[in-house]
Amino acid sequence: MPVYRLTDQYVFPDPNNADENGLLAVGGDLHPKRVLLAYAQGIFPWPHGDEWPMLWFSPDPRMVLLPSDLHVSRSLRKTWGALGDSYAFN
């Protein structure tokens, strides 16, 4: 499978075109528009430092955690509560 080079446009190739390691594309930036578009398609950035371009992966299979399958232990709830912050999942 070819690895695609991203341009300034906020588009990604079809995630089904990722190579056997999940690598789909190189280049681009972490602009919120690009990242949200990527996440919506199951594509994830993987920075490799300033000397390398951004790598974008779409692994298969991906882990999917359904809210109904999430178990938050008592100790984790206690830790979250002690932090004084709120957390949301979607």
Foldseek 3Di string as FASTA:
>chain_A
DDAAEDDADLDFPQQVPAPQAFWHYWADDVDVSNQVVQVVRQKHWDDDDDVGTIIIGRDPPDDDDDPVNDDQDPVNVVVVVVVVDDDDDD
